[in-house]
PDB file of N, CA and C in Angstrom:
ATOM      1  N   MET A   1     -13.942   2.414   7.467  1.00  0.00           N
ATOM      2  CA  MET A   1     -13.276   1.147   7.170  1.00  0.00           C
ATOM      3  C   MET A   1     -14.225   0.200   6.516  1.00  0.00           C
ATOM      4  N   ASN A   2     -13.774  -0.597   5.482  1.00  0.00           N
ATOM      5  CA  ASN A   2     -14.512  -1.511   4.761  1.00  0.00           C
ATOM      6  C   ASN A   2     -15.202  -2.412   5.540  1.00  0.00           C
ATOM      7  N   ASN A   3     -16.432  -2.774   5.295  1.00  0.00           N
ATOM      8  CA  ASN A   3     -17.200  -3.779   6.172  1.00  0.00           C
ATOM      9  C   ASN A   3     -16.609  -5.117   6.069  1.00  0.00           C
ATOM     10  N   GLN A   4     -15.748  -5.459   5.096  1.00  0.00           N
ATOM     11  CA  GLN A   4     -15.154  -6.762   4.948  1.00  0.00           C
ATOM     12  C   GLN A   4     -13.942  -7.115   5.914  1.00  0.00           C
ATOM     13  N   ILE A   5     -13.560  -6.135   6.616  1.00  0.00           N
ATOM     14  CA  ILE A   5     -12.306  -6.211   7.464  1.00  0.00           C
ATOM     15  C   ILE A   5     -12.473  -5.638   8.780  1.00  0.00           C
ATOM     16  N   ASN A   6     -11.932  -6.322   9.814  1.00  0.00           N
ATOM     17  CA  ASN A   6     -12.039  -5.794  11.223  1.00  0.00           C
ATOM     18  C   ASN A   6     -10.794  -4.915  11.528  1.00  0.00           C
ATOM     19  N   GLN A   7     -10.712  -4.413  12.779  1.00  0.00           N
ATOM     20  CA  GLN A   7      -9.686  -3.603  13.100  1.00  0.00           C
ATOM     21  C   GLN A   7      -8.293  -4.353  13.037  1.00  0.00           C
ATOM     22  N   ASP A   8      -8.287  -5.467  13.506  1.00  0.00           N
ATOM     23  CA  ASP A   8      -6.978  -6.289  13.373  1.00  0.00           C
ATOM     24  C   ASP A   8      -6.605  -6.391  11.839  1.00  0.00           C
ATOM     25  N   GLY A   9      -7.509  -6.671  11.014  1.00  0.00           N
ATOM     26  CA  GLY A   9      -7.180  -6.736   9.650  1.00  0.00           C
ATOM     27  C   GLY A   9      -6.750  -5.448   9.132  1.00  0.00           C
ATOM     28  N   CYS A  10      -7.334  -4.368   9.489  1.00  0.00           N
ATOM     29  CA  CYS A  10      -6.979  -3.008   9.009  1.00  0.00           C
ATOM     30  C   CYS A  10      -5.498  -2.825   9.427  1.00  0.00           C
ATOM     31  N   ASN A  11      -5.206  -3.094  10.766  1.00  0.00           N
ATOM     32  CA  ASN A  11      -3.770  -2.928  11.289  1.00  0.00           C
ATOM     33  C   ASN A  11      -2.843  -3.735  10.398  1.00  0.00           C
ATOM     34  N   LEU A  12      -3.153  -4.868  10.064  1.00  0.00           N
ATOM     35  CA  LEU A  12      -2.270  -5.727   9.168  1.00  0.00           C
ATOM     36  C   LEU A  12      -2.066  -5.123   7.871  1.00  0.00           C
ATOM     37  N   VAL A  13      -3.112  -4.660   7.180  1.00  0.00           N
ATOM     38  CA  VAL A  13      -2.985  -4.025   5.962  1.00  0.00           C
ATOM     39  C   VAL A  13      -2.144  -2.787   6.082  1.00  0.00           C
ATOM     40  N   LEU A  14      -2.304  -1.940   7.086  1.00  0.00           N
ATOM     41  CA  LEU A  14      -1.362  -0.893   7.371  1.00  0.00           C
ATOM     42  C   LEU A  14       0.040  -1.190   7.534  1.00  0.00           C
ATOM     43  N   ALA A  15       0.193  -2.346   8.145  1.00  0.00           N
ATOM     44  CA  ALA A  15       1.596  -2.801   8.403  1.00  0.00           C
ATOM     45  C   ALA A  15       2.239  -3.217   7.174  1.00  0.00           C
ATOM     46  N   VAL A  16       1.523  -3.738   6.184  1.00  0.00           N
ATOM     47  CA  VAL A  16       2.029  -4.265   4.892  1.00  0.00           C
ATOM     48  C   VAL A  16       2.481  -3.025   4.017  1.00  0.00           C
ATOM     49  N   ILE A  17       1.547  -2.034   4.140  1.00  0.00           N
ATOM     50  CA  ILE A  17       1.826  -0.782   3.324  1.00  0.00           C
ATOM     51  C   ILE A  17       3.115  -0.027   3.924  1.00  0.00           C
ATOM     52  N   LYS A  18       3.047   0.061   5.275  1.00  0.00           N
ATOM     53  CA  LYS A  18       4.159   0.764   5.974  1.00  0.00           C
ATOM     54  C   LYS A  18       5.611  -0.013   5.653  1.00  0.00           C
ATOM     55  N   SER A  19       5.494  -1.342   5.593  1.00  0.00           N
ATOM     56  CA  SER A  19       6.737  -2.066   5.315  1.00  0.00           C
ATOM     57  C   SER A  19       7.222  -1.716   3.934  1.00  0.00           C
ATOM     58  N   ALA A  20       6.339  -1.632   2.951  1.00  0.00           N
ATOM     59  CA  ALA A  20       6.669  -1.180   1.534  1.00  0.00           C
ATOM     60  C   ALA A  20       7.284   0.245   1.549  1.00  0.00           C
ATOM     61  N   VAL A  21       6.687   1.056   2.374  1.00  0.00           N
ATOM     62  CA  VAL A  21       7.213   2.533   2.325  1.00  0.00           C
ATOM     63  C   VAL A  21       8.648   2.434   3.036  1.00  0.00           C
ATOM     64  N   GLU A  22       8.828   1.750   4.031  1.00  0.00           N
ATOM     65  CA  GLU A  22      10.111   1.597   4.615  1.00  0.00           C
ATOM     66  C   GLU A  22      11.240   0.991   3.682  1.00  0.00           C
ATOM     67  N   ASP A  23      10.685   0.072   2.885  1.00  0.00           N
ATOM     68  CA  ASP A  23      11.596  -0.555   1.987  1.00  0.00           C
ATOM     69  C   ASP A  23      12.034   0.404   0.910  1.00  0.00           C
ATOM     70  N   LEU A  24      11.501   1.528   0.650  1.00  0.00           N
ATOM     71  CA  LEU A  24      11.944   2.537  -0.177  1.00  0.00           C
ATOM     72  C   LEU A  24      13.269   3.117   0.197  1.00  0.00           C
ATOM     73  N   GLU A  25      13.601   2.869   1.493  1.00  0.00           N
ATOM     74  CA  GLU A  25      14.870   3.444   1.950  1.00  0.00           C
ATOM     75  C   GLU A  25      15.959   2.431   2.092  1.00  0.00           C
ATOM     76  N   VAL A  26      15.623   1.213   1.562  1.00  0.00           N
ATOM     77  CA  VAL A  26      16.635   0.126   1.667  1.00  0.00           C
ATOM     78  C   VAL A  26      17.029  -0.138   0.155  1.00  0.00           C
ATOM     79  N   LYS A  27      18.288   0.016  -0.092  1.00  0.00           N
ATOM     80  CA  LYS A  27      18.905  -0.033  -1.452  1.00  0.00           C
ATOM     81  C   LYS A  27      18.378  -1.373  -2.113  1.00  0.00           C
ATOM     82  N   GLU A  28      18.613  -2.493  -1.454  1.00  0.00           N
ATOM     83  CA  GLU A  28      18.374  -3.787  -2.009  1.00  0.00           C
ATOM     84  C   GLU A  28      16.783  -3.958  -2.267  1.00  0.00           C
ATOM     85  N   ARG A  29      15.983  -3.328  -1.620  1.00  0.00           N
ATOM     86  CA  ARG A  29      14.547  -3.483  -1.761  1.00  0.00           C
ATOM     87  C   ARG A  29      13.716  -2.339  -2.443  1.00  0.00           C
ATOM     88  N   LYS A  30      14.453  -1.251  -2.718  1.00  0.00           N
ATOM     89  CA  LYS A  30      13.795  -0.023  -3.165  1.00  0.00           C
ATOM     90  C   LYS A  30      12.973  -0.183  -4.473  1.00  0.00           C
ATOM     91  N   GLU A  31      13.667  -0.808  -5.445  1.00  0.00           N
ATOM     92  CA  GLU A  31      12.968  -0.982  -6.739  1.00  0.00           C
ATOM     93  C   GLU A  31      11.718  -1.822  -6.654  1.00  0.00           C
ATOM     94  N   ARG A  32      11.870  -2.844  -5.845  1.00  0.00           N
ATOM     95  CA  ARG A  32      10.614  -3.741  -5.849  1.00  0.00           C
ATOM     96  C   ARG A  32       9.551  -3.072  -5.074  1.00  0.00           C
ATOM     97  N   ALA A  33       9.873  -2.347  -4.024  1.00  0.00           N
ATOM     98  CA  ALA A  33       8.849  -1.568  -3.256  1.00  0.00           C
ATOM     99  C   ALA A  33       8.245  -0.473  -4.085  1.00  0.00           C
ATOM    100  N   LYS A  34       9.003   0.264  -4.911  1.00  0.00           N
ATOM    101  CA  LYS A  34       8.533   1.307  -5.703  1.00  0.00           C
ATOM    102  C   LYS A  34       7.579   0.749  -6.785  1.00  0.00           C
ATOM    103  N   LYS A  35       7.961  -0.370  -7.466  1.00  0.00           N
ATOM    104  CA  LYS A  35       7.143  -0.964  -8.414  1.00  0.00           C
ATOM    105  C   LYS A  35       5.791  -1.444  -7.886  1.00  0.00           C
ATOM    106  N   TRP A  36       5.760  -1.979  -6.589  1.00  0.00           N
ATOM    107  CA  TRP A  36       4.566  -2.378  -6.056  1.00  0.00           C
ATOM    108  C   TRP A  36       3.730  -1.196  -5.694  1.00  0.00           C
ATOM    109  N   LEU A  37       4.268  -0.205  -5.094  1.00  0.00           N
ATOM    110  CA  LEU A  37       3.481   0.939  -4.738  1.00  0.00           C
ATOM    111  C   LEU A  37       2.962   1.795  -5.972  1.00  0.00           C
ATOM    112  N   GLU A  38       3.662   1.667  -7.006  1.00  0.00           N
ATOM    113  CA  GLU A  38       3.202   2.466  -8.203  1.00  0.00           C
ATOM    114  C   GLU A  38       2.399   1.682  -9.157  1.00  0.00           C
ATOM    115  N   SER A  39       2.204   0.347  -8.914  1.00  0.00           N
ATOM    116  CA  SER A  39       1.454  -0.422  -9.772  1.00  0.00           C
ATOM    117  C   SER A  39      -0.066  -0.039  -9.884  1.00  0.00           C
ATOM    118  N   GLU A  40      -0.676  -0.083 -10.972  1.00  0.00           N
ATOM    119  CA  GLU A  40      -2.169   0.211 -11.081  1.00  0.00           C
ATOM    120  C   GLU A  40      -2.886  -0.986 -11.095  1.00  0.00           C
ATOM    121  N   SER A  41      -2.305  -2.162 -10.899  1.00  0.00           N
ATOM    122  CA  SER A  41      -3.013  -3.423 -10.767  1.00  0.00           C
ATOM    123  C   SER A  41      -3.961  -3.473  -9.587  1.00  0.00           C
ATOM    124  N   THR A  42      -4.978  -4.144  -9.698  1.00  0.00           N
ATOM    125  CA  THR A  42      -6.083  -4.268  -8.680  1.00  0.00           C
ATOM    126  C   THR A  42      -6.189  -5.716  -8.164  1.00  0.00           C
ATOM    127  N   GLY A  43      -5.339  -6.602  -8.626  1.00  0.00           N
ATOM    128  CA  GLY A  43      -5.410  -7.972  -8.156  1.00  0.00           C
ATOM    129  C   GLY A  43      -5.051  -8.156  -6.733  1.00  0.00           C
ATOM    130  N   PRO A  44      -5.292  -9.407  -6.259  1.00  0.00           N
ATOM    131  CA  PRO A  44      -4.948  -9.742  -4.825  1.00  0.00           C
ATOM    132  C   PRO A  44      -3.496  -9.341  -4.428  1.00  0.00           C
ATOM    133  N   ARG A  45      -3.407  -8.814  -3.240  1.00  0.00           N
ATOM    134  CA  ARG A  45      -2.102  -8.440  -2.714  1.00  0.00           C
ATOM    135  C   ARG A  45      -1.414  -7.379  -3.346  1.00  0.00           C
ATOM    136  N   THR A  46      -2.078  -6.585  -4.253  1.00  0.00           N
ATOM    137  CA  THR A  46      -1.423  -5.467  -4.857  1.00  0.00           C
ATOM    138  C   THR A  46      -1.736  -4.238  -3.904  1.00  0.00           C
ATOM    139  N   PHE A  47      -1.002  -3.101  -4.096  1.00  0.00           N
ATOM    140  CA  PHE A  47      -1.234  -1.939  -3.281  1.00  0.00           C
ATOM    141  C   PHE A  47      -2.562  -1.504  -3.423  1.00  0.00           C
ATOM    142  N   ASN A  48      -3.066  -1.455  -4.641  1.00  0.00           N
ATOM    143  CA  ASN A  48      -4.536  -0.981  -4.806  1.00  0.00           C
ATOM    144  C   ASN A  48      -5.485  -1.905  -4.112  1.00  0.00           C
ATOM    145  N   TRP A  49      -5.285  -3.162  -4.129  1.00  0.00           N
ATOM    146  CA  TRP A  49      -6.129  -4.111  -3.430  1.00  0.00           C
ATOM    147  C   TRP A  49      -6.202  -3.910  -1.973  1.00  0.00           C
ATOM    148  N   TYR A  50      -4.948  -3.743  -1.343  1.00  0.00           N
ATOM    149  CA  TYR A  50      -4.822  -3.503   0.129  1.00  0.00           C
ATOM    150  C   TYR A  50      -5.563  -2.174   0.404  1.00  0.00           C
ATOM    151  N   CYS A  51      -5.331  -1.135  -0.371  1.00  0.00           N
ATOM    152  CA  CYS A  51      -6.057   0.195  -0.171  1.00  0.00           C
ATOM    153  C   CYS A  51      -7.548  -0.026  -0.187  1.00  0.00           C
ATOM    154  N   ASN A  52      -8.053  -0.681  -1.137  1.00  0.00           N
ATOM    155  CA  ASN A  52      -9.500  -0.939  -1.225  1.00  0.00           C
ATOM    156  C   ASN A  52     -10.003  -1.563   0.031  1.00  0.00           C
ATOM    157  N   LEU A  53      -9.245  -2.540   0.646  1.00  0.00           N
ATOM    158  CA  LEU A  53      -9.692  -3.353   1.743  1.00  0.00           C
ATOM    159  C   LEU A  53     -10.022  -2.321   2.866  1.00  0.00           C
ATOM    160  N   ILE A  54      -9.240  -1.273   3.062  1.00  0.00           N
ATOM    161  CA  ILE A  54      -9.503  -0.338   4.138  1.00  0.00           C
ATOM    162  C   ILE A  54      -9.972   1.036   3.723  1.00  0.00           C
ATOM    163  N   ASP A  55     -10.652   1.077   2.510  1.00  0.00           N
ATOM    164  CA  ASP A  55     -11.223   2.259   2.012  1.00  0.00           C
ATOM    165  C   ASP A  55     -10.200   3.533   1.960  1.00  0.00           C
ATOM    166  N   LEU A  56      -8.943   3.159   1.637  1.00  0.00           N
ATOM    167  CA  LEU A  56      -7.890   4.202   1.436  1.00  0.00           C
ATOM    168  C   LEU A  56      -7.783   4.440  -0.020  1.00  0.00           C
ATOM    169  N   ASP A  57      -7.797   5.698  -0.464  1.00  0.00           N
ATOM    170  CA  ASP A  57      -7.623   6.087  -1.808  1.00  0.00           C
ATOM    171  C   ASP A  57      -6.147   5.947  -2.195  1.00  0.00           C
ATOM    172  N   PRO A  58      -5.773   4.973  -3.121  1.00  0.00           N
ATOM    173  CA  PRO A  58      -4.456   4.780  -3.377  1.00  0.00           C
ATOM    174  C   PRO A  58      -3.676   5.963  -3.917  1.00  0.00           C
ATOM    175  N   CYS A  59      -4.290   6.875  -4.744  1.00  0.00           N
ATOM    176  CA  CYS A  59      -3.745   8.077  -5.335  1.00  0.00           C
ATOM    177  C   CYS A  59      -3.303   9.042  -4.116  1.00  0.00           C
ATOM    178  N   TRP A  60      -4.258   9.195  -3.181  1.00  0.00           N
ATOM    179  CA  TRP A  60      -4.009  10.013  -2.013  1.00  0.00           C
ATOM    180  C   TRP A  60      -2.793   9.490  -1.219  1.00  0.00           C
ATOM    181  N   ALA A  61      -2.798   8.095  -0.969  1.00  0.00           N
ATOM    182  CA  ALA A  61      -1.747   7.460  -0.207  1.00  0.00           C
ATOM    183  C   ALA A  61      -0.358   7.704  -0.949  1.00  0.00           C
ATOM    184  N   ARG A  62      -0.381   7.598  -2.273  1.00  0.00           N
ATOM    185  CA  ARG A  62       0.852   7.743  -3.036  1.00  0.00           C
ATOM    186  C   ARG A  62       1.375   9.183  -2.875  1.00  0.00           C
ATOM    187  N   ARG A  63       0.425  10.138  -2.986  1.00  0.00           N
ATOM    188  CA  ARG A  63       0.845  11.658  -2.738  1.00  0.00           C
ATOM    189  C   ARG A  63       1.418  11.763  -1.384  1.00  0.00           C
ATOM    190  N   LYS A  64       0.891  11.117  -0.336  1.00  0.00           N
ATOM    191  CA  LYS A  64       1.260  11.363   1.015  1.00  0.00           C
ATOM    192  C   LYS A  64       2.732  10.749   1.228  1.00  0.00           C
ATOM    193  N   ILE A  65       3.010   9.787   0.499  1.00  0.00           N
ATOM    194  CA  ILE A  65       4.400   9.109   0.593  1.00  0.00           C
ATOM    195  C   ILE A  65       5.333   9.601  -0.475  1.00  0.00           C
ATOM    196  N   GLY A  66       4.856  10.636  -1.085  1.00  0.00           N
ATOM    197  CA  GLY A  66       5.768  11.313  -2.161  1.00  0.00           C
ATOM    198  C   GLY A  66       5.933  10.656  -3.432  1.00  0.00           C
ATOM    199  N   MET A  67       4.883   9.781  -3.803  1.00  0.00           N
ATOM    200  CA  MET A  67       4.788   9.062  -5.078  1.00  0.00           C
ATOM    201  C   MET A  67       3.729   9.435  -5.939  1.00  0.00           C
ATOM    202  N   ALA A  68       3.539  10.662  -6.156  1.00  0.00           N
ATOM    203  CA  ALA A  68       2.312  11.187  -6.854  1.00  0.00           C
ATOM    204  C   ALA A  68       2.279  10.407  -8.244  1.00  0.00           C
ATOM    205  N   SER A  69       1.113   9.981  -8.594  1.00  0.00           N
ATOM    206  CA  SER A  69       0.974   9.197  -9.820  1.00  0.00           C
ATOM    207  C   SER A  69       0.294  10.087 -10.872  1.00  0.00           C
TER     208      SER A  69
END
């Protein structure tokens, strides 16, 4: 885990990512979630930014959720 974030922060990041993955199953939110998860942006509040906070490889995460980039 990244030194910049504690366990509670890590749990929050994982909850954000989990929410996006769950949104892939909701018709009204699917496209927005897909766009967010597939984005290569590294700015604040992007998928890559959240992954970096918890030392999670975004490419690996995308493969695990079936979104290989």
